[in-house]
């Protein structure tokens, strides 16, 4: 049985299909998407529909990315909090997703995990990173439609953490400075090896830290889409190069 963990797709449907062909999927595989299926790239709707259809034949689990979190928050605010909606910066992709996804596909996104443990491998999957001040114990697999950040503090931060200060506090994107620390550089391995996305690394292979592995190789920026594969025989990976940098118009 293989555990296949795929980096940030960001709407790159062509590359995703090519990567899965390279992986030669088996019915016994467990397939994980590390978050940010949507936004920035050419076909967010197509990616969600493809992954949802894939879940009907394979064991597929979604990790919540910050882009999914914001999209689902947009949908919630539209129904329940118009004031908060006005304060949001809305991606054009959100409108397209709202108009073209079915109720079942939207519900599928709502079932995404904030975190997921693979205990037999001592591996924890999450999208962003772990603030040093995080009090979560990860004794459960936190899920978007079950566990609320209001009840479980830090859930929202693990979708978007990159940099922290010397106390371990989360630093917002763009507010980091020379004294800021990348969370994976100082993570001590308390919850096992963390596999994460969110931070694009423009490299040709996974980025290895002492207790963490970065698997977002910047596909939507013209980099690679990576599948990190943990098998009974060890670990390996497959990758495909993006057709283009989709952020250059």
C-alpha atoms as a PDB file:
ATOM      1  CA  UNK A   1       0.000   0.000   0.000  1.00  0.00           C
ATOM      2  CA  UNK A   2       1.325   3.420  -0.969  1.00  0.00           C
ATOM      3  CA  UNK A   3       0.623   6.801   0.593  1.00  0.00           C
ATOM      4  CA  UNK A   4       0.830   9.404  -2.179  1.00  0.00           C
ATOM      5  CA  UNK A   5       0.903  13.039  -1.050  1.00  0.00           C
ATOM      6  CA  UNK A   6       0.506  15.660  -3.769  1.00  0.00           C
ATOM      7  CA  UNK A   7       1.712  19.250  -3.510  1.00  0.00           C
ATOM      8  CA  UNK A   8      -0.220  22.444  -4.211  1.00  0.00           C
ATOM      9  CA  UNK A   9      -2.143  22.032  -7.489  1.00  0.00           C
ATOM     10  CA  UNK A  10      -3.601  25.563  -7.782  1.00  0.00           C
ATOM     11  CA  UNK A  11      -5.866  24.743 -10.711  1.00  0.00           C
ATOM     12  CA  UNK A  12      -3.178  23.029 -12.815  1.00  0.00           C
ATOM     13  CA  UNK A  13      -5.387  20.241 -14.127  1.00  0.00           C
ATOM     14  CA  UNK A  14      -3.176  19.166 -17.038  1.00  0.00           C
ATOM     15  CA  UNK A  15      -0.172  18.717 -14.759  1.00  0.00           C
ATOM     16  CA  UNK A  16      -2.235  16.867 -12.143  1.00  0.00           C
ATOM     17  CA  UNK A  17      -3.511  14.335 -14.673  1.00  0.00           C
ATOM     18  CA  UNK A  18      -0.002  13.862 -16.061  1.00  0.00           C
ATOM     19  CA  UNK A  19       1.397  13.342 -12.556  1.00  0.00           C
ATOM     20  CA  UNK A  20      -1.187  10.727 -11.650  1.00  0.00           C
ATOM     21  CA  UNK A  21      -0.479   8.862 -14.879  1.00  0.00           C
ATOM     22  CA  UNK A  22       3.167   8.808 -13.876  1.00  0.00           C
ATOM     23  CA  UNK A  23       2.214   7.415 -10.458  1.00  0.00           C
ATOM     24  CA  UNK A  24       0.314   4.466 -12.015  1.00  0.00           C
ATOM     25  CA  UNK A  25      -2.406   4.574  -9.365  1.00  0.00           C
ATOM     26  CA  UNK A  26      -3.449   1.319  -7.715  1.00  0.00           C
ATOM     27  CA  UNK A  27      -6.730   0.634  -5.959  1.00  0.00           C
ATOM     28  CA  UNK A  28      -4.847   0.079  -2.706  1.00  0.00           C
ATOM     29  CA  UNK A  29      -3.186   3.514  -2.783  1.00  0.00           C
ATOM     30  CA  UNK A  30      -4.078   6.239  -0.318  1.00  0.00           C
ATOM     31  CA  UNK A  31      -4.045   9.616  -2.042  1.00  0.00           C
ATOM     32  CA  UNK A  32      -3.657  12.889  -0.148  1.00  0.00           C
ATOM     33  CA  UNK A  33      -3.821  16.431  -1.504  1.00  0.00           C
ATOM     34  CA  UNK A  34      -1.847  18.760   0.749  1.00  0.00           C
ATOM     35  CA  UNK A  35      -4.094  21.793   0.098  1.00  0.00           C
ATOM     36  CA  UNK A  36      -4.603  24.653  -2.365  1.00  0.00           C
ATOM     37  CA  UNK A  37      -6.284  22.682  -5.096  1.00  0.00           C
ATOM     38  CA  UNK A  38      -7.778  25.964  -6.253  1.00  0.00           C
ATOM     39  CA  UNK A  39      -6.986  29.544  -7.245  1.00  0.00           C
ATOM     40  CA  UNK A  40      -4.200  31.220  -9.244  1.00  0.00           C
ATOM     41  CA  UNK A  41      -4.022  28.569 -11.989  1.00  0.00           C
ATOM     42  CA  UNK A  42      -5.986  27.863 -15.187  1.00  0.00           C
ATOM     43  CA  UNK A  43      -8.766  25.471 -14.126  1.00  0.00           C
ATOM     44  CA  UNK A  44      -9.775  25.398 -10.454  1.00  0.00           C
ATOM     45  CA  UNK A  45     -13.246  24.085 -11.286  1.00  0.00           C
ATOM     46  CA  UNK A  46     -11.796  21.273 -13.387  1.00  0.00           C
ATOM     47  CA  UNK A  47      -9.391  20.276 -10.615  1.00  0.00           C
ATOM     48  CA  UNK A  48     -12.114  20.053  -7.957  1.00  0.00           C
ATOM     49  CA  UNK A  49     -14.400  18.075 -10.268  1.00  0.00           C
ATOM     50  CA  UNK A  50     -11.553  15.734 -11.235  1.00  0.00           C
ATOM     51  CA  UNK A  51     -10.488  15.103  -7.621  1.00  0.00           C
ATOM     52  CA  UNK A  52     -14.098  14.576  -6.513  1.00  0.00           C
ATOM     53  CA  UNK A  53     -14.582  12.021  -9.282  1.00  0.00           C
ATOM     54  CA  UNK A  54     -11.277  10.407  -8.321  1.00  0.00           C
ATOM     55  CA  UNK A  55     -12.554  10.010  -4.753  1.00  0.00           C
ATOM     56  CA  UNK A  56     -15.324   7.739  -6.018  1.00  0.00           C
ATOM     57  CA  UNK A  57     -12.784   5.112  -7.117  1.00  0.00           C
ATOM     58  CA  UNK A  58      -9.808   5.703  -4.803  1.00  0.00           C
ATOM     59  CA  UNK A  59      -9.116   6.459  -1.163  1.00  0.00           C
ATOM     60  CA  UNK A  60      -8.670  10.244  -1.398  1.00  0.00           C
ATOM     61  CA  UNK A  61      -8.354  12.755   1.430  1.00  0.00           C
ATOM     62  CA  UNK A  62      -8.119  16.544   1.180  1.00  0.00           C
ATOM     63  CA  UNK A  63      -6.001  18.707   3.454  1.00  0.00           C
ATOM     64  CA  UNK A  64      -7.446  22.209   3.772  1.00  0.00           C
ATOM     65  CA  UNK A  65      -5.314  24.900   2.157  1.00  0.00           C
ATOM     66  CA  UNK A  66      -5.541  28.596   2.902  1.00  0.00           C
ATOM     67  CA  UNK A  67      -7.166  29.151  -0.508  1.00  0.00           C
ATOM     68  CA  UNK A  68      -9.902  26.583   0.207  1.00  0.00           C
ATOM     69  CA  UNK A  69     -10.377  28.083   3.670  1.00  0.00           C
ATOM     70  CA  UNK A  70     -10.853  31.541   2.168  1.00  0.00           C
ATOM     71  CA  UNK A  71     -13.238  30.243  -0.510  1.00  0.00           C
ATOM     72  CA  UNK A  72     -15.379  28.422   2.062  1.00  0.00           C
ATOM     73  CA  UNK A  73     -15.306  31.520   4.280  1.00  0.00           C
ATOM     74  CA  UNK A  74     -16.497  33.564   1.298  1.00  0.00           C
ATOM     75  CA  UNK A  75     -19.471  31.198   0.859  1.00  0.00           C
ATOM     76  CA  UNK A  76     -20.282  31.335   4.578  1.00  0.00           C
ATOM     77  CA  UNK A  77     -20.033  35.115   4.763  1.00  0.00           C
ATOM     78  CA  UNK A  78     -22.226  35.469   1.711  1.00  0.00           C
ATOM     79  CA  UNK A  79     -24.986  33.657   3.588  1.00  0.00           C
ATOM     80  CA  UNK A  80     -24.427  34.790   7.145  1.00  0.00           C
ATOM     81  CA  UNK A  81     -22.169  37.829   7.362  1.00  0.00           C
ATOM     82  CA  UNK A  82     -22.508  40.402   4.566  1.00  0.00           C
ATOM     83  CA  UNK A  83     -20.410  42.907   6.514  1.00  0.00           C
ATOM     84  CA  UNK A  84     -17.463  40.516   6.653  1.00  0.00           C
ATOM     85  CA  UNK A  85     -17.988  39.691   2.976  1.00  0.00           C
ATOM     86  CA  UNK A  86     -17.510  43.347   2.032  1.00  0.00           C
ATOM     87  CA  UNK A  87     -14.129  43.341   3.769  1.00  0.00           C
ATOM     88  CA  UNK A  88     -12.858  40.308   1.852  1.00  0.00           C
ATOM     89  CA  UNK A  89     -10.687  40.486  -1.247  1.00  0.00           C
ATOM     90  CA  UNK A  90     -12.508  38.086  -3.554  1.00  0.00           C
ATOM     91  CA  UNK A  91     -10.601  36.024  -6.091  1.00  0.00           C
ATOM     92  CA  UNK A  92     -12.343  35.779  -9.495  1.00  0.00           C
ATOM     93  CA  UNK A  93     -11.948  32.014  -9.127  1.00  0.00           C
ATOM     94  CA  UNK A  94     -14.335  32.052  -6.167  1.00  0.00           C
ATOM     95  CA  UNK A  95     -17.218  33.282  -8.321  1.00  0.00           C
ATOM     96  CA  UNK A  96     -16.450  30.693 -10.996  1.00  0.00           C
ATOM     97  CA  UNK A  97     -16.243  27.903  -8.423  1.00  0.00           C
ATOM     98  CA  UNK A  98     -19.495  28.965  -6.776  1.00  0.00           C
ATOM     99  CA  UNK A  99     -21.316  28.982 -10.109  1.00  0.00           C
ATOM    100  CA  UNK A 100     -19.948  25.718 -11.480  1.00  0.00           C
ATOM    101  CA  UNK A 101     -19.481  23.284  -8.596  1.00  0.00           C
ATOM    102  CA  UNK A 102     -22.327  21.022  -7.580  1.00  0.00           C
ATOM    103  CA  UNK A 103     -23.653  20.806  -4.023  1.00  0.00           C
ATOM    104  CA  UNK A 104     -21.893  17.447  -3.662  1.00  0.00           C
ATOM    105  CA  UNK A 105     -18.569  18.891  -4.805  1.00  0.00           C
ATOM    106  CA  UNK A 106     -18.887  21.839  -2.420  1.00  0.00           C
ATOM    107  CA  UNK A 107     -19.748  19.483   0.429  1.00  0.00           C
ATOM    108  CA  UNK A 108     -16.642  17.493  -0.438  1.00  0.00           C
ATOM    109  CA  UNK A 109     -14.487  20.594   0.063  1.00  0.00           C
ATOM    110  CA  UNK A 110     -16.202  21.178   3.411  1.00  0.00           C
ATOM    111  CA  UNK A 111     -15.010  17.731   4.531  1.00  0.00           C
ATOM    112  CA  UNK A 112     -11.333  18.675   4.146  1.00  0.00           C
ATOM    113  CA  UNK A 113      -8.990  18.015   7.048  1.00  0.00           C
ATOM    114  CA  UNK A 114      -7.028  20.765   8.737  1.00  0.00           C
ATOM    115  CA  UNK A 115      -4.606  18.010   9.692  1.00  0.00           C
ATOM    116  CA  UNK A 116      -4.291  14.275   9.229  1.00  0.00           C
ATOM    117  CA  UNK A 117      -2.001  11.826  10.978  1.00  0.00           C
ATOM    118  CA  UNK A 118      -0.625   8.639   9.455  1.00  0.00           C
ATOM    119  CA  UNK A 119       0.298   7.033  12.781  1.00  0.00           C
ATOM    120  CA  UNK A 120       2.048   3.961  11.412  1.00  0.00           C
ATOM    121  CA  UNK A 121       4.503   6.280   9.640  1.00  0.00           C
ATOM    122  CA  UNK A 122       4.662   8.920  12.412  1.00  0.00           C
ATOM    123  CA  UNK A 123       3.698  11.479   9.769  1.00  0.00           C
ATOM    124  CA  UNK A 124       1.444  14.519  10.144  1.00  0.00           C
ATOM    125  CA  UNK A 125      -0.025  16.205   7.079  1.00  0.00           C
ATOM    126  CA  UNK A 126      -1.010  19.870   7.095  1.00  0.00           C
ATOM    127  CA  UNK A 127      -0.977  22.643   4.533  1.00  0.00           C
ATOM    128  CA  UNK A 128       0.957  25.521   6.025  1.00  0.00           C
ATOM    129  CA  UNK A 129       3.015  25.130   9.145  1.00  0.00           C
ATOM    130  CA  UNK A 130       3.067  24.939  12.898  1.00  0.00           C
ATOM    131  CA  UNK A 131       3.496  28.054  15.050  1.00  0.00           C
ATOM    132  CA  UNK A 132       5.747  27.408  18.020  1.00  0.00           C
ATOM    133  CA  UNK A 133       2.962  28.591  20.323  1.00  0.00           C
ATOM    134  CA  UNK A 134       0.447  26.072  18.929  1.00  0.00           C
ATOM    135  CA  UNK A 135      -1.396  24.172  21.680  1.00  0.00           C
ATOM    136  CA  UNK A 136      -3.086  21.601  19.451  1.00  0.00           C
ATOM    137  CA  UNK A 137      -2.216  17.999  20.346  1.00  0.00           C
ATOM    138  CA  UNK A 138      -3.169  16.360  17.022  1.00  0.00           C
ATOM    139  CA  UNK A 139      -4.663  13.416  18.877  1.00  0.00           C
ATOM    140  CA  UNK A 140      -7.570  13.740  16.450  1.00  0.00           C
ATOM    141  CA  UNK A 141      -7.686  14.486  12.729  1.00  0.00           C
ATOM    142  CA  UNK A 142      -9.158  17.979  12.689  1.00  0.00           C
ATOM    143  CA  UNK A 143     -11.807  18.481  10.003  1.00  0.00           C
ATOM    144  CA  UNK A 144     -13.262  21.704   8.625  1.00  0.00           C
ATOM    145  CA  UNK A 145     -16.923  20.709   8.959  1.00  0.00           C
ATOM    146  CA  UNK A 146     -16.492  19.348  12.490  1.00  0.00           C
ATOM    147  CA  UNK A 147     -13.822  21.343  14.330  1.00  0.00           C
ATOM    148  CA  UNK A 148     -14.008  25.122  14.622  1.00  0.00           C
ATOM    149  CA  UNK A 149     -11.023  27.484  15.059  1.00  0.00           C
ATOM    150  CA  UNK A 150     -13.150  29.239  17.701  1.00  0.00           C
ATOM    151  CA  UNK A 151     -13.069  26.050  19.764  1.00  0.00           C
ATOM    152  CA  UNK A 152      -9.657  24.794  18.686  1.00  0.00           C
ATOM    153  CA  UNK A 153      -7.319  27.774  18.539  1.00  0.00           C
ATOM    154  CA  UNK A 154      -4.601  27.708  15.861  1.00  0.00           C
ATOM    155  CA  UNK A 155      -6.568  25.595  13.354  1.00  0.00           C
ATOM    156  CA  UNK A 156      -6.784  28.548  10.985  1.00  0.00           C
ATOM    157  CA  UNK A 157      -3.073  29.300  11.441  1.00  0.00           C
ATOM    158  CA  UNK A 158      -1.858  25.867  10.386  1.00  0.00           C
ATOM    159  CA  UNK A 159      -3.281  26.572   6.926  1.00  0.00           C
ATOM    160  CA  UNK A 160      -1.127  29.674   6.458  1.00  0.00           C
ATOM    161  CA  UNK A 161       1.907  29.684   8.755  1.00  0.00           C
ATOM    162  CA  UNK A 162       5.271  30.303   7.129  1.00  0.00           C
ATOM    163  CA  UNK A 163       7.244  32.566   9.427  1.00  0.00           C
ATOM    164  CA  UNK A 164       7.253  32.895  13.201  1.00  0.00           C
ATOM    165  CA  UNK A 165       9.062  35.144  15.660  1.00  0.00           C
ATOM    166  CA  UNK A 166      11.510  33.996  18.321  1.00  0.00           C
ATOM    167  CA  UNK A 167       8.603  33.300  20.711  1.00  0.00           C
ATOM    168  CA  UNK A 168       6.960  31.091  18.080  1.00  0.00           C
ATOM    169  CA  UNK A 169       4.130  33.499  17.249  1.00  0.00           C
ATOM    170  CA  UNK A 170       2.663  33.536  13.737  1.00  0.00           C
ATOM    171  CA  UNK A 171       3.844  36.357  11.464  1.00  0.00           C
ATOM    172  CA  UNK A 172       1.549  37.491   8.649  1.00  0.00           C
ATOM    173  CA  UNK A 173       2.830  37.251   5.098  1.00  0.00           C
ATOM    174  CA  UNK A 174       4.793  40.347   4.206  1.00  0.00           C
ATOM    175  CA  UNK A 175       5.484  41.249   7.832  1.00  0.00           C
ATOM    176  CA  UNK A 176       8.524  38.993   8.219  1.00  0.00           C
ATOM    177  CA  UNK A 177      11.985  40.491   8.652  1.00  0.00           C
ATOM    178  CA  UNK A 178      15.564  39.326   9.117  1.00  0.00           C
ATOM    179  CA  UNK A 179      14.815  38.109  12.643  1.00  0.00           C
ATOM    180  CA  UNK A 180      11.868  35.954  11.521  1.00  0.00           C
ATOM    181  CA  UNK A 181      12.204  32.182  11.494  1.00  0.00           C
ATOM    182  CA  UNK A 182      10.777  29.734   8.981  1.00  0.00           C
ATOM    183  CA  UNK A 183       8.696  27.383  11.117  1.00  0.00           C
ATOM    184  CA  UNK A 184      10.174  24.147   9.711  1.00  0.00           C
ATOM    185  CA  UNK A 185      13.706  25.264  10.593  1.00  0.00           C
ATOM    186  CA  UNK A 186      12.862  25.176  14.301  1.00  0.00           C
ATOM    187  CA  UNK A 187      10.115  22.518  14.540  1.00  0.00           C
ATOM    188  CA  UNK A 188      11.332  19.900  17.017  1.00  0.00           C
ATOM    189  CA  UNK A 189       9.493  16.829  15.742  1.00  0.00           C
ATOM    190  CA  UNK A 190       6.991  16.623  18.600  1.00  0.00           C
ATOM    191  CA  UNK A 191       4.236  15.371  16.277  1.00  0.00           C
ATOM    192  CA  UNK A 192       6.439  13.308  13.991  1.00  0.00           C
ATOM    193  CA  UNK A 193       7.552  14.294  10.514  1.00  0.00           C
ATOM    194  CA  UNK A 194       5.305  17.003   9.055  1.00  0.00           C
ATOM    195  CA  UNK A 195       4.652  17.024   5.317  1.00  0.00           C
ATOM    196  CA  UNK A 196       3.489  20.440   4.165  1.00  0.00           C
ATOM    197  CA  UNK A 197       2.756  22.631   1.144  1.00  0.00           C
ATOM    198  CA  UNK A 198       1.974  26.360   1.030  1.00  0.00           C
ATOM    199  CA  UNK A 199       5.564  27.559   0.668  1.00  0.00           C
ATOM    200  CA  UNK A 200       6.644  27.201  -2.981  1.00  0.00           C
ATOM    201  CA  UNK A 201      10.172  25.895  -3.377  1.00  0.00           C
ATOM    202  CA  UNK A 202      11.517  26.186  -6.902  1.00  0.00           C
ATOM    203  CA  UNK A 203      13.534  23.000  -6.729  1.00  0.00           C
ATOM    204  CA  UNK A 204      13.568  19.626  -8.437  1.00  0.00           C
ATOM    205  CA  UNK A 205      12.924  17.478  -5.360  1.00  0.00           C
ATOM    206  CA  UNK A 206      11.247  17.633  -1.936  1.00  0.00           C
ATOM    207  CA  UNK A 207      12.783  20.028   0.574  1.00  0.00           C
ATOM    208  CA  UNK A 208      14.063  18.177   3.626  1.00  0.00           C
ATOM    209  CA  UNK A 209      14.239  19.666   7.109  1.00  0.00           C
ATOM    210  CA  UNK A 210      15.165  17.796  10.283  1.00  0.00           C
ATOM    211  CA  UNK A 211      11.518  17.038  11.075  1.00  0.00           C
ATOM    212  CA  UNK A 212       9.543  18.303   8.086  1.00  0.00           C
ATOM    213  CA  UNK A 213       9.323  17.905   4.317  1.00  0.00           C
ATOM    214  CA  UNK A 214       8.152  20.626   1.915  1.00  0.00           C
ATOM    215  CA  UNK A 215       6.403  19.327  -1.199  1.00  0.00           C
ATOM    216  CA  UNK A 216       5.113  22.469  -2.943  1.00  0.00           C
ATOM    217  CA  UNK A 217       7.512  22.912  -5.863  1.00  0.00           C
ATOM    218  CA  UNK A 218       5.682  25.888  -7.348  1.00  0.00           C
ATOM    219  CA  UNK A 219       3.770  24.304 -10.229  1.00  0.00           C
ATOM    220  CA  UNK A 220       1.528  27.320 -10.848  1.00  0.00           C
ATOM    221  CA  UNK A 221       4.647  29.518 -11.032  1.00  0.00           C
ATOM    222  CA  UNK A 222       6.135  27.328 -13.761  1.00  0.00           C
ATOM    223  CA  UNK A 223       7.841  24.915 -11.380  1.00  0.00           C
ATOM    224  CA  UNK A 224       6.962  21.288 -10.705  1.00  0.00           C
ATOM    225  CA  UNK A 225       3.975  19.386  -9.338  1.00  0.00           C
ATOM    226  CA  UNK A 226       5.224  16.740  -6.928  1.00  0.00           C
ATOM    227  CA  UNK A 227       3.845  13.465  -5.607  1.00  0.00           C
ATOM    228  CA  UNK A 228       5.712  12.297  -2.495  1.00  0.00           C
ATOM    229  CA  UNK A 229       5.289   8.538  -2.222  1.00  0.00           C
ATOM    230  CA  UNK A 230       5.710   6.545   0.972  1.00  0.00           C
ATOM    231  CA  UNK A 231       5.701   2.809   0.233  1.00  0.00           C
ATOM    232  CA  UNK A 232       6.442  -0.262   2.297  1.00  0.00           C
ATOM    233  CA  UNK A 233       9.848  -0.278   0.615  1.00  0.00           C
ATOM    234  CA  UNK A 234      10.671   3.322   1.523  1.00  0.00           C
ATOM    235  CA  UNK A 235      10.066   6.746   0.045  1.00  0.00           C
ATOM    236  CA  UNK A 236      10.293   8.237  -3.435  1.00  0.00           C
ATOM    237  CA  UNK A 237       8.594  10.808  -5.616  1.00  0.00           C
ATOM    238  CA  UNK A 238       7.288  11.613  -9.053  1.00  0.00           C
ATOM    239  CA  UNK A 239       7.054  15.067 -10.587  1.00  0.00           C
ATOM    240  CA  UNK A 240       5.948  16.855 -13.736  1.00  0.00           C
ATOM    241  CA  UNK A 241       7.084  20.251 -14.980  1.00  0.00           C
ATOM    242  CA  UNK A 242       4.388  22.885 -15.478  1.00  0.00           C
ATOM    243  CA  UNK A 243       3.544  23.803 -19.036  1.00  0.00           C
ATOM    244  CA  UNK A 244       4.118  27.475 -18.193  1.00  0.00           C
ATOM    245  CA  UNK A 245       4.120  30.079 -15.460  1.00  0.00           C
ATOM    246  CA  UNK A 246       0.366  30.595 -15.165  1.00  0.00           C
ATOM    247  CA  UNK A 247       0.725  33.874 -13.288  1.00  0.00           C
ATOM    248  CA  UNK A 248       2.284  35.609 -16.290  1.00  0.00           C
ATOM    249  CA  UNK A 249      -0.553  36.908 -18.440  1.00  0.00           C
END
